[in-house]
Amino acid sequence: LPPYIHEPVPDPERYQTVYARQPGSAAAPTAGLHFTPRLLETLTGRGV
């Protein structure tokens, strides 16, 4: 976890994006942590 996070993450998957698939990062691409499958579906449905 980043050095400014002092609490352990109960579920390690919570520090992964919902679309993470290729192992290799030593830290999460944090900007994407807030996407959910439903939000991605909404964006696709709107032509994004």
All heavy atoms as atom14 arrays in JSON, in Angstrom:
{
  "sequence": "LPPYIHEPVPDPERYQTVYARQPGSAAAPTAGLHFTPRLLETLTGRGV",
  "atom14_mask": [
    [1, 1, 1, 1, 1, 1, 1, 1, 0, 0, 0, 0, 0, 0],
    [1, 1, 1, 1, 1, 1, 1, 0, 0, 0, 0, 0, 0, 0],
    [1, 1, 1, 1, 1, 1, 1, 0, 0, 0, 0, 0, 0, 0],
    [1, 1, 1, 1, 1, 1, 1, 1, 1, 1, 1, 1, 0, 0],
    [1, 1, 1, 1, 1, 1, 1, 1, 0, 0, 0, 0, 0, 0],
    [1, 1, 1, 1, 1, 1, 1, 1, 1, 1, 0, 0, 0, 0],
    [1, 1, 1, 1, 1, 1, 1, 1, 1, 0, 0, 0, 0, 0],
    [1, 1, 1, 1, 1, 1, 1, 0, 0, 0, 0, 0, 0, 0],
    [1, 1, 1, 1, 1, 1, 1, 0, 0, 0, 0, 0, 0, 0],
    [1, 1, 1, 1, 1, 1, 1, 0, 0, 0, 0, 0, 0, 0],
    [1, 1, 1, 1, 1, 1, 1, 1, 0, 0, 0, 0, 0, 0],
    [1, 1, 1, 1, 1, 1, 1, 0, 0, 0, 0, 0, 0, 0],
    [1, 1, 1, 1, 1, 1, 1, 1, 1, 0, 0, 0, 0, 0],
    [1, 1, 1, 1, 1, 1, 1, 1, 1, 1, 1, 0, 0, 0],
    [1, 1, 1, 1, 1, 1, 1, 1, 1, 1, 1, 1, 0, 0],
    [1, 1, 1, 1, 1, 1, 1, 1, 1, 0, 0, 0, 0, 0],
    [1, 1, 1, 1, 1, 1, 1, 0, 0, 0, 0, 0, 0, 0],
    [1, 1, 1, 1, 1, 1, 1, 0, 0, 0, 0, 0, 0, 0],
    [1, 1, 1, 1, 1, 1, 1, 1, 1, 1, 1, 1, 0, 0],
    [1, 1, 1, 1, 1, 0, 0, 0, 0, 0, 0, 0, 0, 0],
    [1, 1, 1, 1, 1, 1, 1, 1, 1, 1, 1, 0, 0, 0],
    [1, 1, 1, 1, 1, 1, 1, 1, 1, 0, 0, 0, 0, 0],
    [1, 1, 1, 1, 1, 1, 1, 0, 0, 0, 0, 0, 0, 0],
    [1, 1, 1, 1, 0, 0, 0, 0, 0, 0, 0, 0, 0, 0],
    [1, 1, 1, 1, 1, 1, 0, 0, 0, 0, 0, 0, 0, 0],
    [1, 1, 1, 1, 1, 0, 0, 0, 0, 0, 0, 0, 0, 0],
    [1, 1, 1, 1, 1, 0, 0, 0, 0, 0, 0, 0, 0, 0],
    [1, 1, 1, 1, 1, 0, 0, 0, 0, 0, 0, 0, 0, 0],
    [1, 1, 1, 1, 1, 1, 1, 0, 0, 0, 0, 0, 0, 0],
    [1, 1, 1, 1, 1, 1, 1, 0, 0, 0, 0, 0, 0, 0],
    [1, 1, 1, 1, 1, 0, 0, 0, 0, 0, 0, 0, 0, 0],
    [1, 1, 1, 1, 0, 0, 0, 0, 0, 0, 0, 0, 0, 0],
    [1, 1, 1, 1, 1, 1, 1, 1, 0, 0, 0, 0, 0, 0],
    [1, 1, 1, 1, 1, 1, 1, 1, 1, 1, 0, 0, 0, 0],
    [1, 1, 1, 1, 1, 1, 1, 1, 1, 1, 1, 0, 0, 0],
    [1, 1, 1, 1, 1, 1, 1, 0, 0, 0, 0, 0, 0, 0],
    [1, 1, 1, 1, 1, 1, 1, 0, 0, 0, 0, 0, 0, 0],
    [1, 1, 1, 1, 1, 1, 1, 1, 1, 1, 1, 0, 0, 0],
    [1, 1, 1, 1, 1, 1, 1, 1, 0, 0, 0, 0, 0, 0],
    [1, 1, 1, 1, 1, 1, 1, 1, 0, 0, 0, 0, 0, 0],
    [1, 1, 1, 1, 1, 1, 1, 1, 1, 0, 0, 0, 0, 0],
    [1, 1, 1, 1, 1, 1, 1, 0, 0, 0, 0, 0, 0, 0],
    [1, 1, 1, 1, 1, 1, 1, 1, 0, 0, 0, 0, 0, 0],
    [1, 1, 1, 1, 1, 1, 1, 0, 0, 0, 0, 0, 0, 0],
    [1, 1, 1, 1, 0, 0, 0, 0, 0, 0, 0, 0, 0, 0],
    [1, 1, 1, 1, 1, 1, 1, 1, 1, 1, 1, 0, 0, 0],
    [1, 1, 1, 1, 0, 0, 0, 0, 0, 0, 0, 0, 0, 0],
    [1, 1, 1, 1, 1, 1, 1, 0, 0, 0, 0, 0, 0, 0]
  ],
  "atom14_positions": [
    [[0.84, -1.19, 0.0], [0.0, 0.0, 0.0], [0.87, 1.24, 0.0], [2.03, 1.2, 0.42], [-0.92, 0.0, 1.23], [-1.93, -1.13, 1.31], [-2.7, -1.04, 2.62], [-2.89, -1.12, 0.13], [0.0, 0.0, 0.0], [0.0, 0.0, 0.0], [0.0, 0.0, 0.0], [0.0, 0.0, 0.0], [0.0, 0.0, 0.0], [0.0, 0.0, 0.0]],
    [[0.35, 2.39, -0.45], [1.13, 3.63, -0.4], [1.55, 3.95, 1.04], [0.87, 3.54, 1.99], [0.14, 4.69, -0.93], [-0.85, 3.91, -1.74], [-0.98, 2.58, -1.07], [0.0, 0.0, 0.0], [0.0, 0.0, 0.0], [0.0, 0.0, 0.0], [0.0, 0.0, 0.0], [0.0, 0.0, 0.0], [0.0, 0.0, 0.0], [0.0, 0.0, 0.0]],
    [[2.65, 4.66, 1.22], [3.15, 4.93, 2.57], [2.21, 5.76, 3.43], [2.34, 5.76, 4.65], [4.47, 5.67, 2.31], [4.36, 6.21, 0.93], [3.53, 5.22, 0.18], [0.0, 0.0, 0.0], [0.0, 0.0, 0.0], [0.0, 0.0, 0.0], [0.0, 0.0, 0.0], [0.0, 0.0, 0.0], [0.0, 0.0, 0.0], [0.0, 0.0, 0.0]],
    [[1.25, 6.45, 2.79], [0.33, 7.27, 3.58], [-0.92, 6.48, 4.01], [-1.79, 7.02, 4.67], [-0.08, 8.53, 2.8], [-0.5, 8.26, 1.37], [-1.77, 7.83, 1.05], [0.42, 8.45, 0.33], [-2.14, 7.59, -0.26], [0.06, 8.21, -0.99], [-1.22, 7.79, -1.27], [-1.57, 7.54, -2.58], [0.0, 0.0, 0.0], [0.0, 0.0, 0.0]],
    [[-1.01, 5.22, 3.62], [-2.11, 4.36, 4.06], [-1.58, 3.46, 5.17], [-0.66, 2.67, 4.96], [-2.65, 3.51, 2.9], [-3.17, 4.4, 1.77], [-3.76, 2.59, 3.4], [-4.35, 5.28, 2.14], [0.0, 0.0, 0.0], [0.0, 0.0, 0.0], [0.0, 0.0, 0.0], [0.0, 0.0, 0.0], [0.0, 0.0, 0.0], [0.0, 0.0, 0.0]],
    [[-2.17, 3.58, 6.35], [-1.68, 2.84, 7.51], [-2.63, 1.71, 7.93], [-2.26, 0.9, 8.78], [-1.46, 3.79, 8.68], [-0.59, 4.96, 8.34], [0.75, 4.83, 8.01], [-0.86, 6.29, 8.25], [1.26, 6.03, 7.74], [0.3, 6.93, 7.88], [0.0, 0.0, 0.0], [0.0, 0.0, 0.0], [0.0, 0.0, 0.0], [0.0, 0.0, 0.0]],
    [[-3.82, 1.68, 7.36], [-4.78, 0.63, 7.69], [-4.69, -0.49, 6.65], [-4.63, -0.21, 5.45], [-6.21, 1.18, 7.74], [-6.45, 2.23, 8.83], [-6.37, 1.62, 10.21], [-6.7, 0.42, 10.36], [-5.99, 2.33, 11.15], [0.0, 0.0, 0.0], [0.0, 0.0, 0.0], [0.0, 0.0, 0.0], [0.0, 0.0, 0.0], [0.0, 0.0, 0.0]],
    [[-4.67, -1.75, 7.07], [-4.64, -2.85, 6.1], [-5.96, -2.93, 5.32], [-7.01, -2.55, 5.83], [-4.44, -4.09, 6.97], [-4.98, -3.7, 8.31], [-4.69, -2.24, 8.46], [0.0, 0.0, 0.0], [0.0, 0.0, 0.0], [0.0, 0.0, 0.0], [0.0, 0.0, 0.0], [0.0, 0.0, 0.0], [0.0, 0.0, 0.0], [0.0, 0.0, 0.0]],
    [[-5.87, -3.39, 4.09], [-7.07, -3.57, 3.27], [-7.65, -4.95, 3.56], [-6.98, -5.96, 3.33], [-6.73, -3.44, 1.77], [-7.97, -3.7, 0.93], [-6.18, -2.06, 1.47], [0.0, 0.0, 0.0], [0.0, 0.0, 0.0], [0.0, 0.0, 0.0], [0.0, 0.0, 0.0], [0.0, 0.0, 0.0], [0.0, 0.0, 0.0], [0.0, 0.0, 0.0]],
    [[-8.9, -5.02, 4.1], [-9.47, -6.33, 4.44], [-9.53, -7.28, 3.25], [-9.26, -8.46, 3.39], [-10.88, -5.96, 4.95], [-10.79, -4.52, 5.35], [-9.8, -3.9, 4.41], [0.0, 0.0, 0.0], [0.0, 0.0, 0.0], [0.0, 0.0, 0.0], [0.0, 0.0, 0.0], [0.0, 0.0, 0.0], [0.0, 0.0, 0.0], [0.0, 0.0, 0.0]],
    [[-9.88, -6.73, 2.08], [-9.98, -7.55, 0.87], [-8.94, -7.04, -0.13], [-9.08, -5.92, -0.65], [-11.38, -7.45, 0.27], [-11.53, -8.25, -1.01], [-10.59, -9.01, -1.35], [-12.56, -8.1, -1.69], [0.0, 0.0, 0.0], [0.0, 0.0, 0.0], [0.0, 0.0, 0.0], [0.0, 0.0, 0.0], [0.0, 0.0, 0.0], [0.0, 0.0, 0.0]],
    [[-7.88, -7.81, -0.44], [-6.86, -7.34, -1.37], [-7.41, -6.93, -2.73], [-6.83, -6.09, -3.41], [-5.93, -8.56, -1.5], [-6.12, -9.33, -0.24], [-7.58, -9.14, 0.11], [0.0, 0.0, 0.0], [0.0, 0.0, 0.0], [0.0, 0.0, 0.0], [0.0, 0.0, 0.0], [0.0, 0.0, 0.0], [0.0, 0.0, 0.0], [0.0, 0.0, 0.0]],
    [[-8.55, -7.51, -3.14], [-9.13, -7.15, -4.43], [-9.59, -5.69, -4.45], [-9.78, -5.12, -5.52], [-10.3, -8.07, -4.76], [-9.88, -9.44, -5.23], [-9.03, -9.39, -6.5], [-9.45, -8.77, -7.48], [-7.93, -9.98, -6.49], [0.0, 0.0, 0.0], [0.0, 0.0, 0.0], [0.0, 0.0, 0.0], [0.0, 0.0, 0.0], [0.0, 0.0, 0.0]],
    [[-9.76, -5.11, -3.27], [-10.22, -3.72, -3.21], [-9.12, -2.76, -3.66], [-9.39, -1.61, -3.97], [-10.68, -3.4, -1.79], [-11.48, -2.11, -1.66], [-12.71, -2.15, -2.56], [-13.45, -0.9, -2.48], [-13.13, 0.22, -3.15], [-12.09, 0.22, -3.95], [-13.85, 1.32, -3.01], [0.0, 0.0, 0.0], [0.0, 0.0, 0.0], [0.0, 0.0, 0.0]],
    [[-7.87, -3.25, -3.68], [-6.76, -2.44, -4.17], [-6.4, -2.82, -5.61], [-5.3, -2.61, -6.07], [-5.54, -2.59, -3.25], [-4.47, -1.54, -3.47], [-4.76, -0.18, -3.36], [-3.16, -1.9, -3.77], [-3.79, 0.78, -3.57], [-2.17, -0.95, -3.97], [-2.49, 0.39, -3.87], [-1.52, 1.34, -4.07], [0.0, 0.0, 0.0], [0.0, 0.0, 0.0]],
    [[-7.38, -3.39, -6.32], [-7.26, -3.67, -7.75], [-8.41, -2.95, -8.46], [-9.48, -2.76, -7.88], [-7.39, -5.18, -8.03], [-6.44, -6.06, -7.25], [-5.04, -6.14, -7.88], [-4.74, -5.45, -8.85], [-4.19, -6.98, -7.3], [0.0, 0.0, 0.0], [0.0, 0.0, 0.0], [0.0, 0.0, 0.0], [0.0, 0.0, 0.0], [0.0, 0.0, 0.0]],
    [[-8.2, -2.56, -9.7], [-9.31, -2.06, -10.5], [-10.2, -3.23, -10.9], [-9.77, -4.39, -10.89], [-8.8, -1.35, -11.77], [-8.08, -2.28, -12.57], [-7.89, -0.18, -11.4], [0.0, 0.0, 0.0], [0.0, 0.0, 0.0], [0.0, 0.0, 0.0], [0.0, 0.0, 0.0], [0.0, 0.0, 0.0], [0.0, 0.0, 0.0], [0.0, 0.0, 0.0]],
    [[-11.45, -2.95, -11.23], [-12.37, -4.04, -11.59], [-11.99, -4.66, -12.93], [-12.46, -5.75, -13.27], [-13.83, -3.54, -11.63], [-14.27, -3.09, -10.25], [-14.01, -2.41, -12.65], [0.0, 0.0, 0.0], [0.0, 0.0, 0.0], [0.0, 0.0, 0.0], [0.0, 0.0, 0.0], [0.0, 0.0, 0.0], [0.0, 0.0, 0.0], [0.0, 0.0, 0.0]],
    [[-11.13, -3.98, -13.71], [-10.73, -4.51, -15.02], [-9.28, -4.98, -15.02], [-8.71, -5.27, -16.09], [-10.94, -3.45, -16.12], [-10.5, -2.06, -15.74], [-9.16, -1.71, -15.71], [-11.45, -1.1, -15.39], [-8.76, -0.45, -15.34], [-11.06, 0.18, -15.02], [-9.72, 0.5, -15.01], [-9.33, 1.76, -14.64], [0.0, 0.0, 0.0], [0.0, 0.0, 0.0]],
    [[-8.64, -5.06, -13.84], [-7.24, -5.49, -13.78], [-7.11, -6.94, -14.28], [-7.9, -7.8, -13.89], [-6.72, -5.39, -12.34], [0.0, 0.0, 0.0], [0.0, 0.0, 0.0], [0.0, 0.0, 0.0], [0.0, 0.0, 0.0], [0.0, 0.0, 0.0], [0.0, 0.0, 0.0], [0.0, 0.0, 0.0], [0.0, 0.0, 0.0], [0.0, 0.0, 0.0]],
    [[-6.11, -7.21, -15.11], [-5.97, -8.56, -15.65], [-4.52, -9.01, -15.8], [-4.21, -10.19, -15.65], [-6.68, -8.69, -17.0], [-6.09, -7.85, -18.11], [-6.8, -8.05, -19.44], [-6.18, -7.26, -20.52], [-5.15, -7.68, -21.23], [-4.63, -8.88, -21.01], [-4.64, -6.91, -22.18], [0.0, 0.0, 0.0], [0.0, 0.0, 0.0], [0.0, 0.0, 0.0]],
    [[-3.59, -8.09, -16.08], [-2.21, -8.46, -16.37], [-1.31, -8.16, -15.16], [-1.03, -7.0, -14.88], [-1.7, -7.69, -17.59], [-0.3, -8.06, -18.03], [-0.2, -9.48, -18.57], [-1.1, -9.94, -19.27], [0.87, -10.17, -18.24], [0.0, 0.0, 0.0], [0.0, 0.0, 0.0], [0.0, 0.0, 0.0], [0.0, 0.0, 0.0], [0.0, 0.0, 0.0]],
    [[-0.87, -9.18, -14.41], [-0.05, -8.92, -13.22], [1.27, -8.25, -13.58], [1.88, -8.56, -14.61], [0.19, -10.32, -12.65], [-0.87, -11.18, -13.25], [-1.12, -10.62, -14.6], [0.0, 0.0, 0.0], [0.0, 0.0, 0.0], [0.0, 0.0, 0.0], [0.0, 0.0, 0.0], [0.0, 0.0, 0.0], [0.0, 0.0, 0.0], [0.0, 0.0, 0.0]],
    [[1.7, -7.32, -12.72], [2.98, -6.68, -12.97], [3.23, -5.41, -12.19], [4.37, -4.99, -12.05], [0.0, 0.0, 0.0], [0.0, 0.0, 0.0], [0.0, 0.0, 0.0], [0.0, 0.0, 0.0], [0.0, 0.0, 0.0], [0.0, 0.0, 0.0], [0.0, 0.0, 0.0], [0.0, 0.0, 0.0], [0.0, 0.0, 0.0], [0.0, 0.0, 0.0]],
    [[2.19, -4.77, -11.67], [2.37, -3.51, -10.96], [2.74, -3.74, -9.5], [2.24, -4.66, -8.85], [1.09, -2.66, -11.03], [0.99, -1.98, -12.26], [0.0, 0.0, 0.0], [0.0, 0.0, 0.0], [0.0, 0.0, 0.0], [0.0, 0.0, 0.0], [0.0, 0.0, 0.0], [0.0, 0.0, 0.0], [0.0, 0.0, 0.0], [0.0, 0.0, 0.0]],
    [[3.6, -2.85, -8.98], [3.94, -2.87, -7.56], [3.05, -1.92, -6.79], [3.09, -1.87, -5.56], [5.4, -2.5, -7.37], [0.0, 0.0, 0.0], [0.0, 0.0, 0.0], [0.0, 0.0, 0.0], [0.0, 0.0, 0.0], [0.0, 0.0, 0.0], [0.0, 0.0, 0.0], [0.0, 0.0, 0.0], [0.0, 0.0, 0.0], [0.0, 0.0, 0.0]],
    [[2.24, -1.14, -7.49], [1.27, -0.23, -6.88], [0.11, -0.09, -7.85], [0.27, -0.24, -9.05], [1.9, 1.13, -6.58], [0.0, 0.0, 0.0], [0.0, 0.0, 0.0], [0.0, 0.0, 0.0], [0.0, 0.0, 0.0], [0.0, 0.0, 0.0], [0.0, 0.0, 0.0], [0.0, 0.0, 0.0], [0.0, 0.0, 0.0], [0.0, 0.0, 0.0]],
    [[-1.06, 0.2, -7.32], [-2.26, 0.26, -8.16], [-2.28, 1.53, -9.01], [-1.83, 2.59, -8.56], [-3.51, 0.21, -7.29], [0.0, 0.0, 0.0], [0.0, 0.0, 0.0], [0.0, 0.0, 0.0], [0.0, 0.0, 0.0], [0.0, 0.0, 0.0], [0.0, 0.0, 0.0], [0.0, 0.0, 0.0], [0.0, 0.0, 0.0], [0.0, 0.0, 0.0]],
    [[-2.81, 1.44, -10.24], [-3.12, 2.65, -11.01], [-4.37, 3.29, -10.39], [-5.49, 3.04, -10.81], [-3.36, 2.12, -12.43], [-3.78, 0.7, -12.23], [-3.12, 0.21, -10.98], [0.0, 0.0, 0.0], [0.0, 0.0, 0.0], [0.0, 0.0, 0.0], [0.0, 0.0, 0.0], [0.0, 0.0, 0.0], [0.0, 0.0, 0.0], [0.0, 0.0, 0.0]],
    [[-4.16, 4.09, -9.36], [-5.24, 4.46, -8.43], [-6.37, 5.26, -9.07], [-7.48, 5.24, -8.56], [-4.67, 5.26, -7.24], [-3.86, 6.34, -7.75], [-3.79, 4.37, -6.37], [0.0, 0.0, 0.0], [0.0, 0.0, 0.0], [0.0, 0.0, 0.0], [0.0, 0.0, 0.0], [0.0, 0.0, 0.0], [0.0, 0.0, 0.0], [0.0, 0.0, 0.0]],
    [[-6.11, 5.95, -10.17], [-7.17, 6.74, -10.78], [-8.34, 5.87, -11.24], [-9.47, 6.34, -11.36], [-6.62, 7.55, -11.96], [0.0, 0.0, 0.0], [0.0, 0.0, 0.0], [0.0, 0.0, 0.0], [0.0, 0.0, 0.0], [0.0, 0.0, 0.0], [0.0, 0.0, 0.0], [0.0, 0.0, 0.0], [0.0, 0.0, 0.0], [0.0, 0.0, 0.0]],
    [[-8.06, 4.6, -11.5], [-9.11, 3.71, -11.99], [-9.84, 2.94, -10.9], [-10.75, 2.16, -11.21], [0.0, 0.0, 0.0], [0.0, 0.0, 0.0], [0.0, 0.0, 0.0], [0.0, 0.0, 0.0], [0.0, 0.0, 0.0], [0.0, 0.0, 0.0], [0.0, 0.0, 0.0], [0.0, 0.0, 0.0], [0.0, 0.0, 0.0], [0.0, 0.0, 0.0]],
    [[-9.45, 3.12, -9.64], [-10.05, 2.32, -8.56], [-11.53, 2.62, -8.36], [-12.23, 1.84, -7.73], [-9.29, 2.55, -7.25], [-7.88, 1.95, -7.15], [-7.25, 2.33, -5.82], [-7.93, 0.44, -7.3], [0.0, 0.0, 0.0], [0.0, 0.0, 0.0], [0.0, 0.0, 0.0], [0.0, 0.0, 0.0], [0.0, 0.0, 0.0], [0.0, 0.0, 0.0]],
    [[-12.01, 3.76, -8.87], [-13.38, 4.18, -8.58], [-14.4, 3.7, -9.61], [-15.6, 3.92, -9.44], [-13.44, 5.71, -8.47], [-12.36, 6.27, -7.59], [-12.21, 5.9, -6.28], [-11.36, 7.15, -7.85], [-11.17, 6.54, -5.76], [-10.64, 7.3, -6.7], [0.0, 0.0, 0.0], [0.0, 0.0, 0.0], [0.0, 0.0, 0.0], [0.0, 0.0, 0.0]],
    [[-13.93, 3.05, -10.67], [-14.87, 2.52, -11.66], [-15.52, 1.24, -11.16], [-14.89, 0.42, -10.5], [-14.15, 2.24, -12.99], [-13.84, 3.46, -13.79], [-12.58, 4.03, -13.76], [-14.82, 4.05, -14.58], [-12.28, 5.15, -14.5], [-14.54, 5.18, -15.33], [-13.27, 5.74, -15.28], [0.0, 0.0, 0.0], [0.0, 0.0, 0.0], [0.0, 0.0, 0.0]],
    [[-16.79, 1.09, -11.46], [-17.53, -0.14, -11.18], [-17.98, -0.73, -12.51], [-18.04, -0.02, -13.53], [-18.76, 0.15, -10.32], [-19.68, 1.0, -11.05], [-18.38, 0.83, -9.0], [0.0, 0.0, 0.0], [0.0, 0.0, 0.0], [0.0, 0.0, 0.0], [0.0, 0.0, 0.0], [0.0, 0.0, 0.0], [0.0, 0.0, 0.0], [0.0, 0.0, 0.0]],
    [[-18.31, -2.02, -12.56], [-18.82, -2.6, -13.8], [-20.04, -1.85, -14.32], [-20.17, -1.63, -15.54], [-19.15, -4.04, -13.41], [-18.21, -4.35, -12.29], [-18.1, -3.06, -11.52], [0.0, 0.0, 0.0], [0.0, 0.0, 0.0], [0.0, 0.0, 0.0], [0.0, 0.0, 0.0], [0.0, 0.0, 0.0], [0.0, 0.0, 0.0], [0.0, 0.0, 0.0]],
    [[-20.94, -1.46, -13.42], [-22.15, -0.75, -13.86], [-21.8, 0.59, -14.48], [-22.38, 0.98, -15.51], [-23.1, -0.55, -12.68], [-24.29, 0.34, -13.02], [-25.22, 0.53, -11.84], [-26.05, -0.64, -11.62], [-27.04, -0.68, -10.72], [-27.29, 0.37, -9.95], [-27.75, -1.77, -10.58], [0.0, 0.0, 0.0], [0.0, 0.0, 0.0], [0.0, 0.0, 0.0]],
    [[-20.86, 1.33, -13.89], [-20.48, 2.62, -14.44], [-19.86, 2.45, -15.82], [-20.14, 3.23, -16.75], [-19.51, 3.32, -13.49], [-18.99, 4.7, -13.93], [-20.14, 5.66, -14.18], [-18.03, 5.28, -12.88], [0.0, 0.0, 0.0], [0.0, 0.0, 0.0], [0.0, 0.0, 0.0], [0.0, 0.0, 0.0], [0.0, 0.0, 0.0], [0.0, 0.0, 0.0]],
    [[-19.02, 1.43, -15.99], [-18.43, 1.18, -17.3], [-19.5, 0.82, -18.33], [-19.43, 1.25, -19.49], [-17.39, 0.06, -17.19], [-16.12, 0.4, -16.4], [-15.29, -0.85, -16.17], [-15.29, 1.45, -17.14], [0.0, 0.0, 0.0], [0.0, 0.0, 0.0], [0.0, 0.0, 0.0], [0.0, 0.0, 0.0], [0.0, 0.0, 0.0], [0.0, 0.0, 0.0]],
    [[-20.49, 0.04, -17.91], [-21.59, -0.3, -18.82], [-22.38, 0.95, -19.21], [-22.79, 1.1, -20.37], [-22.52, -1.32, -18.15], [-21.9, -2.7, -17.97], [-22.81, -3.63, -17.19], [-23.95, -3.2, -16.87], [-22.39, -4.76, -16.89], [0.0, 0.0, 0.0], [0.0, 0.0, 0.0], [0.0, 0.0, 0.0], [0.0, 0.0, 0.0], [0.0, 0.0, 0.0]],
    [[-22.6, 1.85, -18.26], [-23.32, 3.09, -18.55], [-22.57, 3.92, -19.59], [-23.17, 4.45, -20.54], [-23.51, 3.92, -17.26], [-24.29, 3.17, -16.34], [-24.21, 5.24, -17.56], [0.0, 0.0, 0.0], [0.0, 0.0, 0.0], [0.0, 0.0, 0.0], [0.0, 0.0, 0.0], [0.0, 0.0, 0.0], [0.0, 0.0, 0.0], [0.0, 0.0, 0.0]],
    [[-21.25, 4.02, -19.43], [-20.45, 4.79, -20.37], [-20.49, 4.16, -21.77], [-20.64, 4.86, -22.77], [-19.0, 4.88, -19.87], [-18.79, 5.74, -18.63], [-17.38, 5.55, -18.08], [-19.04, 7.21, -18.94], [0.0, 0.0, 0.0], [0.0, 0.0, 0.0], [0.0, 0.0, 0.0], [0.0, 0.0, 0.0], [0.0, 0.0, 0.0], [0.0, 0.0, 0.0]],
    [[-20.39, 2.83, -21.83], [-20.46, 2.14, -23.12], [-21.82, 2.36, -23.77], [-21.91, 2.59, -24.98], [-20.2, 0.64, -22.94], [-18.9, 0.44, -22.37], [-20.27, -0.09, -24.28], [0.0, 0.0, 0.0], [0.0, 0.0, 0.0], [0.0, 0.0, 0.0], [0.0, 0.0, 0.0], [0.0, 0.0, 0.0], [0.0, 0.0, 0.0], [0.0, 0.0, 0.0]],
    [[-22.88, 2.29, -22.96], [-24.23, 2.5, -23.48], [-24.44, 3.9, -24.04], [-25.32, 4.1, -24.88], [0.0, 0.0, 0.0], [0.0, 0.0, 0.0], [0.0, 0.0, 0.0], [0.0, 0.0, 0.0], [0.0, 0.0, 0.0], [0.0, 0.0, 0.0], [0.0, 0.0, 0.0], [0.0, 0.0, 0.0], [0.0, 0.0, 0.0], [0.0, 0.0, 0.0]],
    [[-23.64, 4.85, -23.58], [-23.76, 6.23, -24.06], [-22.82, 6.51, -25.22], [-22.66, 7.66, -25.62], [-23.49, 7.21, -22.92], [-24.52, 7.12, -21.81], [-24.44, 8.3, -20.87], [-25.46, 8.23, -19.83], [-25.78, 9.24, -19.02], [-25.14, 10.39, -19.14], [-26.71, 9.1, -18.09], [0.0, 0.0, 0.0], [0.0, 0.0, 0.0], [0.0, 0.0, 0.0]],
    [[-22.16, 5.47, -25.73], [-21.31, 5.65, -26.9], [-19.88, 6.05, -26.6], [-19.15, 6.45, -27.51], [0.0, 0.0, 0.0], [0.0, 0.0, 0.0], [0.0, 0.0, 0.0], [0.0, 0.0, 0.0], [0.0, 0.0, 0.0], [0.0, 0.0, 0.0], [0.0, 0.0, 0.0], [0.0, 0.0, 0.0], [0.0, 0.0, 0.0], [0.0, 0.0, 0.0]],
    [[-19.47, 5.94, -25.34], [-18.09, 6.23, -24.99], [-17.25, 5.0, -25.29], [-17.56, 3.9, -24.82], [-17.96, 6.62, -23.5], [-16.5, 6.82, -23.12], [-18.76, 7.89, -23.22], [0.0, 0.0, 0.0], [0.0, 0.0, 0.0], [0.0, 0.0, 0.0], [0.0, 0.0, 0.0], [0.0, 0.0, 0.0], [0.0, 0.0, 0.0], [0.0, 0.0, 0.0]]
  ]
}
